[in-house]
């Protein structure tokens, strides 16, 4: 029962984040920036939800995104290389800041 409650809360958080990012125009803007591979707007939603739940660690977020249940709830295809795409795309920009 606890797992179902957690999944329900998670889906609620994903829906809320998606709604407000869509309302502000962020998701539409992000979708236009990238046309191939993993959708950038879904990556932004994933990172926002993870930051709300846990922390802003990219390593932890990449590990979290490797869970098939999380990926399904976020709308990622199971075969997409989201973990590698997220890490490879963002790490070079944040590595000099560390």
PDB file of N, CA and C in Angstrom:
ATOM      1  N   UNK A   1       0.820  -1.202   0.000  1.00  0.00           N
ATOM      2  CA  UNK A   1       0.000   0.000   0.000  1.00  0.00           C
ATOM      3  C   UNK A   1       0.862   1.263   0.000  1.00  0.00           C
ATOM      4  N   UNK A   2       1.990   1.205   0.706  1.00  0.00           N
ATOM      5  CA  UNK A   2       2.855   2.375   0.772  1.00  0.00           C
ATOM      6  C   UNK A   2       3.399   2.731  -0.611  1.00  0.00           C
ATOM      7  N   UNK A   3       3.738   1.707  -1.383  1.00  0.00           N
ATOM      8  CA  UNK A   3       4.261   1.933  -2.742  1.00  0.00           C
ATOM      9  C   UNK A   3       3.224   2.636  -3.608  1.00  0.00           C
ATOM     10  N   UNK A   4       1.950   2.227  -3.504  1.00  0.00           N
ATOM     11  CA  UNK A   4       0.890   2.868  -4.283  1.00  0.00           C
ATOM     12  C   UNK A   4       0.709   4.323  -3.877  1.00  0.00           C
ATOM     13  N   UNK A   5       0.791   4.599  -2.590  1.00  0.00           N
ATOM     14  CA  UNK A   5       0.673   5.974  -2.103  1.00  0.00           C
ATOM     15  C   UNK A   5       1.817   6.819  -2.635  1.00  0.00           C
ATOM     16  N   UNK A   6       3.027   6.256  -2.624  1.00  0.00           N
ATOM     17  CA  UNK A   6       4.188   6.979  -3.132  1.00  0.00           C
ATOM     18  C   UNK A   6       4.049   7.256  -4.623  1.00  0.00           C
ATOM     19  N   UNK A   7       3.596   6.279  -5.391  1.00  0.00           N
ATOM     20  CA  UNK A   7       3.412   6.467  -6.828  1.00  0.00           C
ATOM     21  C   UNK A   7       2.351   7.522  -7.095  1.00  0.00           C
ATOM     22  N   UNK A   8       1.260   7.509  -6.320  1.00  0.00           N
ATOM     23  CA  UNK A   8       0.202   8.507  -6.492  1.00  0.00           C
ATOM     24  C   UNK A   8       0.740   9.905  -6.214  1.00  0.00           C
ATOM     25  N   UNK A   9       1.501  10.061  -5.138  1.00  0.00           N
ATOM     26  CA  UNK A   9       2.079  11.375  -4.811  1.00  0.00           C
ATOM     27  C   UNK A   9       3.052  11.820  -5.891  1.00  0.00           C
ATOM     28  N   UNK A  10       3.824  10.870  -6.386  1.00  0.00           N
ATOM     29  CA  UNK A  10       4.789  11.191  -7.428  1.00  0.00           C
ATOM     30  C   UNK A  10       4.074  11.672  -8.689  1.00  0.00           C
ATOM     31  N   UNK A  11       3.047  10.955  -9.106  1.00  0.00           N
ATOM     32  CA  UNK A  11       2.287  11.364 -10.309  1.00  0.00           C
ATOM     33  C   UNK A  11       1.633  12.721 -10.095  1.00  0.00           C
ATOM     34  N   UNK A  12       1.148  12.966  -8.895  1.00  0.00           N
ATOM     35  CA  UNK A  12       0.560  14.268  -8.586  1.00  0.00           C
ATOM     36  C   UNK A  12       1.602  15.373  -8.722  1.00  0.00           C
ATOM     37  N   UNK A  13       2.811  15.117  -8.229  1.00  0.00           N
ATOM     38  CA  UNK A  13       3.892  16.106  -8.340  1.00  0.00           C
ATOM     39  C   UNK A  13       4.271  16.337  -9.803  1.00  0.00           C
ATOM     40  N   UNK A  14       4.363  15.270 -10.586  1.00  0.00           N
ATOM     41  CA  UNK A  14       4.692  15.399 -12.012  1.00  0.00           C
ATOM     42  C   UNK A  14       3.617  16.217 -12.727  1.00  0.00           C
ATOM     43  N   UNK A  15       2.371  15.930 -12.448  1.00  0.00           N
ATOM     44  CA  UNK A  15       1.270  16.678 -13.073  1.00  0.00           C
ATOM     45  C   UNK A  15       1.291  18.146 -12.672  1.00  0.00           C
ATOM     46  N   UNK A  16       1.566  18.426 -11.395  1.00  0.00           N
ATOM     47  CA  UNK A  16       1.593  19.812 -10.918  1.00  0.00           C
ATOM     48  C   UNK A  16       2.747  20.587 -11.564  1.00  0.00           C
ATOM     49  N   UNK A  17       3.926  19.989 -11.570  1.00  0.00           N
ATOM     50  CA  UNK A  17       5.088  20.658 -12.170  1.00  0.00           C
ATOM     51  C   UNK A  17       4.848  20.889 -13.659  1.00  0.00           C
ATOM     52  N   UNK A  18       4.344  19.871 -14.352  1.00  0.00           N
ATOM     53  CA  UNK A  18       4.063  20.011 -15.784  1.00  0.00           C
ATOM     54  C   UNK A  18       3.041  21.114 -16.041  1.00  0.00           C
ATOM     55  N   UNK A  19       2.003  21.160 -15.217  1.00  0.00           N
ATOM     56  CA  UNK A  19       0.951  22.165 -15.390  1.00  0.00           C
ATOM     57  C   UNK A  19       1.517  23.580 -15.263  1.00  0.00           C
ATOM     58  N   UNK A  20       2.274  23.832 -14.202  1.00  0.00           N
ATOM     59  CA  UNK A  20       2.760  25.189 -13.988  1.00  0.00           C
ATOM     60  C   UNK A  20       3.858  25.586 -14.965  1.00  0.00           C
ATOM     61  N   UNK A  21       4.695  24.633 -15.380  1.00  0.00           N
ATOM     62  CA  UNK A  21       5.704  24.958 -16.389  1.00  0.00           C
ATOM     63  C   UNK A  21       5.057  25.199 -17.753  1.00  0.00           C
ATOM     64  N   UNK A  22       3.969  24.489 -18.022  1.00  0.00           N
ATOM     65  CA  UNK A  22       3.233  24.711 -19.275  1.00  0.00           C
ATOM     66  C   UNK A  22       2.525  26.063 -19.223  1.00  0.00           C
ATOM     67  N   UNK A  23       1.953  26.382 -18.077  1.00  0.00           N
ATOM     68  CA  UNK A  23       1.232  27.635 -17.895  1.00  0.00           C
ATOM     69  C   UNK A  23       2.143  28.846 -18.103  1.00  0.00           C
ATOM     70  N   UNK A  24       3.387  28.738 -17.670  1.00  0.00           N
ATOM     71  CA  UNK A  24       4.333  29.839 -17.816  1.00  0.00           C
ATOM     72  C   UNK A  24       5.017  29.868 -19.178  1.00  0.00           C
ATOM     73  N   UNK A  25       4.818  28.813 -19.982  1.00  0.00           N
ATOM     74  CA  UNK A  25       5.412  28.759 -21.310  1.00  0.00           C
ATOM     75  C   UNK A  25       6.785  28.121 -21.363  1.00  0.00           C
ATOM     76  N   UNK A  26       7.282  27.648 -20.230  1.00  0.00           N
ATOM     77  CA  UNK A  26       8.618  27.058 -20.187  1.00  0.00           C
ATOM     78  C   UNK A  26       8.669  25.766 -20.996  1.00  0.00           C
ATOM     79  N   UNK A  27       7.660  24.907 -20.857  1.00  0.00           N
ATOM     80  CA  UNK A  27       7.685  23.623 -21.562  1.00  0.00           C
ATOM     81  C   UNK A  27       7.621  23.804 -23.076  1.00  0.00           C
ATOM     82  N   UNK A  28       6.795  24.728 -23.539  1.00  0.00           N
ATOM     83  CA  UNK A  28       6.723  24.992 -24.976  1.00  0.00           C
ATOM     84  C   UNK A  28       8.042  25.518 -25.521  1.00  0.00           C
ATOM     85  N   UNK A  29       8.683  26.388 -24.756  1.00  0.00           N
ATOM     86  CA  UNK A  29       9.982  26.934 -25.161  1.00  0.00           C
ATOM     87  C   UNK A  29      11.033  25.832 -25.206  1.00  0.00           C
ATOM     88  N   UNK A  30      11.075  25.003 -24.179  1.00  0.00           N
ATOM     89  CA  UNK A  30      12.057  23.922 -24.122  1.00  0.00           C
ATOM     90  C   UNK A  30      11.841  22.903 -25.246  1.00  0.00           C
ATOM     91  N   UNK A  31      10.606  22.623 -25.571  1.00  0.00           N
ATOM     92  CA  UNK A  31      10.305  21.656 -26.626  1.00  0.00           C
ATOM     93  C   UNK A  31      10.835  22.149 -27.969  1.00  0.00           C
ATOM     94  N   UNK A  32      10.802  23.456 -28.210  1.00  0.00           N
ATOM     95  CA  UNK A  32      11.279  24.008 -29.481  1.00  0.00           C
ATOM     96  C   UNK A  32      12.802  24.004 -29.592  1.00  0.00           C
ATOM     97  N   UNK A  33      13.512  23.915 -28.476  1.00  0.00           N
ATOM     98  CA  UNK A  33      14.969  23.977 -28.507  1.00  0.00           C
ATOM     99  C   UNK A  33      15.618  22.697 -29.022  1.00  0.00           C
ATOM    100  N   UNK A  34      14.926  21.586 -28.918  1.00  0.00           N
ATOM    101  CA  UNK A  34      15.510  20.293 -29.274  1.00  0.00           C
ATOM    102  C   UNK A  34      14.473  19.468 -30.012  1.00  0.00           C
ATOM    103  N   UNK A  35      14.874  18.882 -31.144  1.00  0.00           N
ATOM    104  CA  UNK A  35      13.888  18.140 -31.945  1.00  0.00           C
ATOM    105  C   UNK A  35      14.158  16.643 -32.034  1.00  0.00           C
ATOM    106  N   UNK A  36      15.333  16.183 -31.645  1.00  0.00           N
ATOM    107  CA  UNK A  36      15.661  14.764 -31.757  1.00  0.00           C
ATOM    108  C   UNK A  36      16.034  14.193 -30.395  1.00  0.00           C
ATOM    109  N   UNK A  37      15.827  12.885 -30.264  1.00  0.00           N
ATOM    110  CA  UNK A  37      16.226  12.207 -29.034  1.00  0.00           C
ATOM    111  C   UNK A  37      15.257  12.463 -27.892  1.00  0.00           C
ATOM    112  N   UNK A  38      15.789  12.502 -26.693  1.00  0.00           N
ATOM    113  CA  UNK A  38      14.986  12.700 -25.493  1.00  0.00           C
ATOM    114  C   UNK A  38      14.467  14.132 -25.467  1.00  0.00           C
ATOM    115  N   UNK A  39      13.171  14.284 -25.225  1.00  0.00           N
ATOM    116  CA  UNK A  39      12.567  15.618 -25.232  1.00  0.00           C
ATOM    117  C   UNK A  39      13.076  16.443 -24.055  1.00  0.00           C
ATOM    118  N   UNK A  40      13.518  17.643 -24.337  1.00  0.00           N
ATOM    119  CA  UNK A  40      14.088  18.519 -23.330  1.00  0.00           C
ATOM    120  C   UNK A  40      13.044  18.947 -22.302  1.00  0.00           C
ATOM    121  N   UNK A  41      11.802  19.138 -22.721  1.00  0.00           N
ATOM    122  CA  UNK A  41      10.774  19.558 -21.773  1.00  0.00           C
ATOM    123  C   UNK A  41      10.529  18.482 -20.712  1.00  0.00           C
ATOM    124  N   UNK A  42      10.594  17.219 -21.095  1.00  0.00           N
ATOM    125  CA  UNK A  42      10.425  16.141 -20.116  1.00  0.00           C
ATOM    126  C   UNK A  42      11.621  16.058 -19.176  1.00  0.00           C
ATOM    127  N   UNK A  43      12.798  16.366 -19.690  1.00  0.00           N
ATOM    128  CA  UNK A  43      13.979  16.380 -18.822  1.00  0.00           C
ATOM    129  C   UNK A  43      13.862  17.478 -17.771  1.00  0.00           C
ATOM    130  N   UNK A  44      13.342  18.633 -18.169  1.00  0.00           N
ATOM    131  CA  UNK A  44      13.168  19.745 -17.229  1.00  0.00           C
ATOM    132  C   UNK A  44      12.162  19.370 -16.141  1.00  0.00           C
ATOM    133  N   UNK A  45      11.058  18.752 -16.530  1.00  0.00           N
ATOM    134  CA  UNK A  45      10.067  18.300 -15.543  1.00  0.00           C
ATOM    135  C   UNK A  45      10.701  17.299 -14.592  1.00  0.00           C
ATOM    136  N   UNK A  46      11.470  16.350 -15.134  1.00  0.00           N
ATOM    137  CA  UNK A  46      12.118  15.340 -14.296  1.00  0.00           C
ATOM    138  C   UNK A  46      13.058  15.987 -13.282  1.00  0.00           C
ATOM    139  N   UNK A  47      13.850  16.938 -13.726  1.00  0.00           N
ATOM    140  CA  UNK A  47      14.795  17.592 -12.813  1.00  0.00           C
ATOM    141  C   UNK A  47      14.074  18.419 -11.759  1.00  0.00           C
ATOM    142  N   UNK A  48      12.992  19.092 -12.120  1.00  0.00           N
ATOM    143  CA  UNK A  48      12.231  19.879 -11.146  1.00  0.00           C
ATOM    144  C   UNK A  48      11.591  18.975 -10.089  1.00  0.00           C
ATOM    145  N   UNK A  49      11.004  17.874 -10.539  1.00  0.00           N
ATOM    146  CA  UNK A  49      10.369  16.944  -9.600  1.00  0.00           C
ATOM    147  C   UNK A  49      11.416  16.334  -8.681  1.00  0.00           C
ATOM    148  N   UNK A  50      12.562  15.940  -9.229  1.00  0.00           N
ATOM    149  CA  UNK A  50      13.602  15.350  -8.391  1.00  0.00           C
ATOM    150  C   UNK A  50      14.102  16.354  -7.364  1.00  0.00           C
ATOM    151  N   UNK A  51      14.268  17.598  -7.770  1.00  0.00           N
ATOM    152  CA  UNK A  51      14.724  18.628  -6.841  1.00  0.00           C
ATOM    153  C   UNK A  51      13.712  18.838  -5.720  1.00  0.00           C
ATOM    154  N   UNK A  52      12.432  18.741  -6.036  1.00  0.00           N
ATOM    155  CA  UNK A  52      11.401  18.863  -5.001  1.00  0.00           C
ATOM    156  C   UNK A  52      11.458  17.691  -4.016  1.00  0.00           C
ATOM    157  N   UNK A  53      11.726  16.493  -4.518  1.00  0.00           N
ATOM    158  CA  UNK A  53      11.716  15.297  -3.686  1.00  0.00           C
ATOM    159  C   UNK A  53      13.009  15.067  -2.928  1.00  0.00           C
ATOM    160  N   UNK A  54      14.147  15.349  -3.538  1.00  0.00           N
ATOM    161  CA  UNK A  54      15.402  14.930  -2.934  1.00  0.00           C
ATOM    162  C   UNK A  54      16.410  16.074  -2.845  1.00  0.00           C
ATOM    163  N   UNK A  55      17.153  16.299  -3.903  1.00  0.00           N
ATOM    164  CA  UNK A  55      18.204  17.311  -3.879  1.00  0.00           C
ATOM    165  C   UNK A  55      18.480  17.778  -5.305  1.00  0.00           C
ATOM    166  N   UNK A  56      19.502  18.596  -5.457  1.00  0.00           N
ATOM    167  CA  UNK A  56      19.850  19.065  -6.794  1.00  0.00           C
ATOM    168  C   UNK A  56      21.101  18.374  -7.329  1.00  0.00           C
ATOM    169  N   UNK A  57      21.399  17.183  -6.834  1.00  0.00           N
ATOM    170  CA  UNK A  57      22.552  16.409  -7.274  1.00  0.00           C
ATOM    171  C   UNK A  57      22.256  15.746  -8.628  1.00  0.00           C
ATOM    172  N   UNK A  58      23.083  16.033  -9.622  1.00  0.00           N
ATOM    173  CA  UNK A  58      22.903  15.416 -10.933  1.00  0.00           C
ATOM    174  C   UNK A  58      23.192  13.923 -10.898  1.00  0.00           C
ATOM    175  N   UNK A  59      24.164  13.511 -10.096  1.00  0.00           N
ATOM    176  CA  UNK A  59      24.460  12.085  -9.982  1.00  0.00           C
ATOM    177  C   UNK A  59      23.259  11.338  -9.430  1.00  0.00           C
ATOM    178  N   UNK A  60      22.663  11.875  -8.375  1.00  0.00           N
ATOM    179  CA  UNK A  60      21.493  11.223  -7.769  1.00  0.00           C
ATOM    180  C   UNK A  60      20.303  11.261  -8.718  1.00  0.00           C
ATOM    181  N   UNK A  61      20.141  12.342  -9.457  1.00  0.00           N
ATOM    182  CA  UNK A  61      19.036  12.454 -10.411  1.00  0.00           C
ATOM    183  C   UNK A  61      19.189  11.434 -11.534  1.00  0.00           C
ATOM    184  N   UNK A  62      20.397  11.263 -12.023  1.00  0.00           N
ATOM    185  CA  UNK A  62      20.644  10.282 -13.079  1.00  0.00           C
ATOM    186  C   UNK A  62      20.357   8.869 -12.580  1.00  0.00           C
ATOM    187  N   UNK A  63      20.742   8.592 -11.340  1.00  0.00           N
ATOM    188  CA  UNK A  63      20.456   7.278 -10.753  1.00  0.00           C
ATOM    189  C   UNK A  63      18.953   7.080 -10.583  1.00  0.00           C
ATOM    190  N   UNK A  64      18.255   8.121 -10.134  1.00  0.00           N
ATOM    191  CA  UNK A  64      16.807   8.078  -9.930  1.00  0.00           C
ATOM    192  C   UNK A  64      16.088   7.817 -11.246  1.00  0.00           C
ATOM    193  N   UNK A  65      16.586   8.418 -12.322  1.00  0.00           N
ATOM    194  CA  UNK A  65      15.961   8.256 -13.633  1.00  0.00           C
ATOM    195  C   UNK A  65      16.202   6.885 -14.257  1.00  0.00           C
ATOM    196  N   UNK A  66      17.066   6.092 -13.667  1.00  0.00           N
ATOM    197  CA  UNK A  66      17.286   4.744 -14.190  1.00  0.00           C
ATOM    198  C   UNK A  66      16.196   3.776 -13.734  1.00  0.00           C
ATOM    199  N   UNK A  67      15.347   4.198 -12.796  1.00  0.00           N
ATOM    200  CA  UNK A  67      14.244   3.357 -12.320  1.00  0.00           C
ATOM    201  C   UNK A  67      13.132   3.335 -13.376  1.00  0.00           C
ATOM    202  N   UNK A  68      12.745   2.140 -13.867  1.00  0.00           N
ATOM    203  CA  UNK A  68      11.710   2.053 -14.911  1.00  0.00           C
ATOM    204  C   UNK A  68      10.360   2.652 -14.489  1.00  0.00           C
ATOM    205  N   UNK A  69       9.985   2.541 -13.222  1.00  0.00           N
ATOM    206  CA  UNK A  69       8.708   3.106 -12.763  1.00  0.00           C
ATOM    207  C   UNK A  69       8.729   4.629 -12.849  1.00  0.00           C
ATOM    208  N   UNK A  70       9.849   5.228 -12.500  1.00  0.00           N
ATOM    209  CA  UNK A  70       9.992   6.688 -12.581  1.00  0.00           C
ATOM    210  C   UNK A  70       9.936   7.133 -14.036  1.00  0.00           C
ATOM    211  N   UNK A  71      10.650   6.423 -14.884  1.00  0.00           N
ATOM    212  CA  UNK A  71      10.677   6.785 -16.302  1.00  0.00           C
ATOM    213  C   UNK A  71       9.303   6.665 -16.935  1.00  0.00           C
ATOM    214  N   UNK A  72       8.567   5.629 -16.570  1.00  0.00           N
ATOM    215  CA  UNK A  72       7.226   5.447 -17.118  1.00  0.00           C
ATOM    216  C   UNK A  72       6.304   6.585 -16.681  1.00  0.00           C
ATOM    217  N   UNK A  73       6.400   6.962 -15.422  1.00  0.00           N
ATOM    218  CA  UNK A  73       5.552   8.030 -14.898  1.00  0.00           C
ATOM    219  C   UNK A  73       5.884   9.376 -15.553  1.00  0.00           C
ATOM    220  N   UNK A  74       7.144   9.581 -15.893  1.00  0.00           N
ATOM    221  CA  UNK A  74       7.560  10.835 -16.523  1.00  0.00           C
ATOM    222  C   UNK A  74       7.332  10.845 -18.027  1.00  0.00           C
ATOM    223  N   UNK A  75       6.968   9.690 -18.594  1.00  0.00           N
ATOM    224  CA  UNK A  75       6.676   9.630 -20.018  1.00  0.00           C
ATOM    225  C   UNK A  75       7.865   9.322 -20.897  1.00  0.00           C
ATOM    226  N   UNK A  76       8.956   8.830 -20.308  1.00  0.00           N
ATOM    227  CA  UNK A  76      10.118   8.441 -21.095  1.00  0.00           C
ATOM    228  C   UNK A  76       9.940   7.018 -21.585  1.00  0.00           C
ATOM    229  N   UNK A  77      10.430   6.746 -22.777  1.00  0.00           N
ATOM    230  CA  UNK A  77      10.449   5.379 -23.267  1.00  0.00           C
ATOM    231  C   UNK A  77      11.534   4.623 -22.501  1.00  0.00           C
ATOM    232  N   UNK A  78      11.283   3.358 -22.270  1.00  0.00           N
ATOM    233  CA  UNK A  78      12.214   2.577 -21.456  1.00  0.00           C
ATOM    234  C   UNK A  78      13.596   2.493 -22.098  1.00  0.00           C
ATOM    235  N   UNK A  79      13.685   2.462 -23.400  1.00  0.00           N
ATOM    236  CA  UNK A  79      14.970   2.323 -24.074  1.00  0.00           C
ATOM    237  C   UNK A  79      15.751   3.614 -24.254  1.00  0.00           C
ATOM    238  N   UNK A  80      15.162   4.747 -23.928  1.00  0.00           N
ATOM    239  CA  UNK A  80      15.857   6.015 -24.131  1.00  0.00           C
ATOM    240  C   UNK A  80      17.021   6.146 -23.160  1.00  0.00           C
ATOM    241  N   UNK A  81      18.101   6.680 -23.647  1.00  0.00           N
ATOM    242  CA  UNK A  81      19.284   6.872 -22.807  1.00  0.00           C
ATOM    243  C   UNK A  81      19.201   8.160 -22.018  1.00  0.00           C
ATOM    244  N   UNK A  82      18.145   8.315 -21.249  1.00  0.00           N
ATOM    245  CA  UNK A  82      17.931   9.565 -20.519  1.00  0.00           C
ATOM    246  C   UNK A  82      19.027   9.846 -19.503  1.00  0.00           C
ATOM    247  N   UNK A  83      19.489   8.823 -18.823  1.00  0.00           N
ATOM    248  CA  UNK A  83      20.509   9.033 -17.803  1.00  0.00           C
ATOM    249  C   UNK A  83      21.779   9.584 -18.425  1.00  0.00           C
ATOM    250  N   UNK A  84      22.232   8.960 -19.503  1.00  0.00           N
ATOM    251  CA  UNK A  84      23.441   9.433 -20.163  1.00  0.00           C
ATOM    252  C   UNK A  84      23.238  10.792 -20.818  1.00  0.00           C
ATOM    253  N   UNK A  85      22.072  10.996 -21.417  1.00  0.00           N
ATOM    254  CA  UNK A  85      21.793  12.282 -22.061  1.00  0.00           C
ATOM    255  C   UNK A  85      21.780  13.404 -21.041  1.00  0.00           C
ATOM    256  N   UNK A  86      21.178  13.160 -19.892  1.00  0.00           N
ATOM    257  CA  UNK A  86      21.108  14.167 -18.839  1.00  0.00           C
ATOM    258  C   UNK A  86      22.497  14.497 -18.322  1.00  0.00           C
ATOM    259  N   UNK A  87      23.255  13.478 -18.003  1.00  0.00           N
ATOM    260  CA  UNK A  87      24.586  13.687 -17.437  1.00  0.00           C
ATOM    261  C   UNK A  87      25.543  14.296 -18.462  1.00  0.00           C
ATOM    262  N   UNK A  88      25.585  13.749 -19.673  1.00  0.00           N
ATOM    263  CA  UNK A  88      26.511  14.250 -20.689  1.00  0.00           C
ATOM    264  C   UNK A  88      26.186  15.674 -21.114  1.00  0.00           C
ATOM    265  N   UNK A  89      24.901  16.018 -21.106  1.00  0.00           N
ATOM    266  CA  UNK A  89      24.508  17.355 -21.520  1.00  0.00           C
ATOM    267  C   UNK A  89      24.735  18.424 -20.478  1.00  0.00           C
ATOM    268  N   UNK A  90      24.607  18.076 -19.221  1.00  0.00           N
ATOM    269  CA  UNK A  90      24.670  19.091 -18.173  1.00  0.00           C
ATOM    270  C   UNK A  90      25.987  19.137 -17.411  1.00  0.00           C
ATOM    271  N   UNK A  91      26.669  18.035 -17.301  1.00  0.00           N
ATOM    272  CA  UNK A  91      27.892  17.985 -16.514  1.00  0.00           C
ATOM    273  C   UNK A  91      28.975  18.954 -16.999  1.00  0.00           C
ATOM    274  N   UNK A  92      29.224  19.088 -18.306  1.00  0.00           N
ATOM    275  CA  UNK A  92      30.272  20.018 -18.736  1.00  0.00           C
ATOM    276  C   UNK A  92      30.014  21.465 -18.330  1.00  0.00           C
ATOM    277  N   UNK A  93      28.750  21.834 -18.191  1.00  0.00           N
ATOM    278  CA  UNK A  93      28.418  23.214 -17.824  1.00  0.00           C
ATOM    279  C   UNK A  93      28.587  23.470 -16.335  1.00  0.00           C
ATOM    280  N   UNK A  94      28.370  22.434 -15.526  1.00  0.00           N
ATOM    281  CA  UNK A  94      28.436  22.620 -14.076  1.00  0.00           C
ATOM    282  C   UNK A  94      29.750  22.174 -13.467  1.00  0.00           C
ATOM    283  N   UNK A  95      30.551  21.391 -14.194  1.00  0.00           N
ATOM    284  CA  UNK A  95      31.813  20.903 -13.653  1.00  0.00           C
ATOM    285  C   UNK A  95      32.759  22.052 -13.274  1.00  0.00           C
ATOM    286  N   UNK A  96      32.885  23.123 -14.085  1.00  0.00           N
ATOM    287  CA  UNK A  96      33.781  24.223 -13.692  1.00  0.00           C
ATOM    288  C   UNK A  96      33.310  24.965 -12.436  1.00  0.00           C
ATOM    289  N   UNK A  97      32.032  24.887 -12.125  1.00  0.00           N
ATOM    290  CA  UNK A  97      31.508  25.606 -10.965  1.00  0.00           C
ATOM    291  C   UNK A  97      31.782  24.874  -9.659  1.00  0.00           C
ATOM    292  N   UNK A  98      32.084  23.586  -9.741  1.00  0.00           N
ATOM    293  CA  UNK A  98      32.285  22.791  -8.522  1.00  0.00           C
ATOM    294  C   UNK A  98      33.625  23.053  -7.884  1.00  0.00           C
TER     295      UNK A  98
END
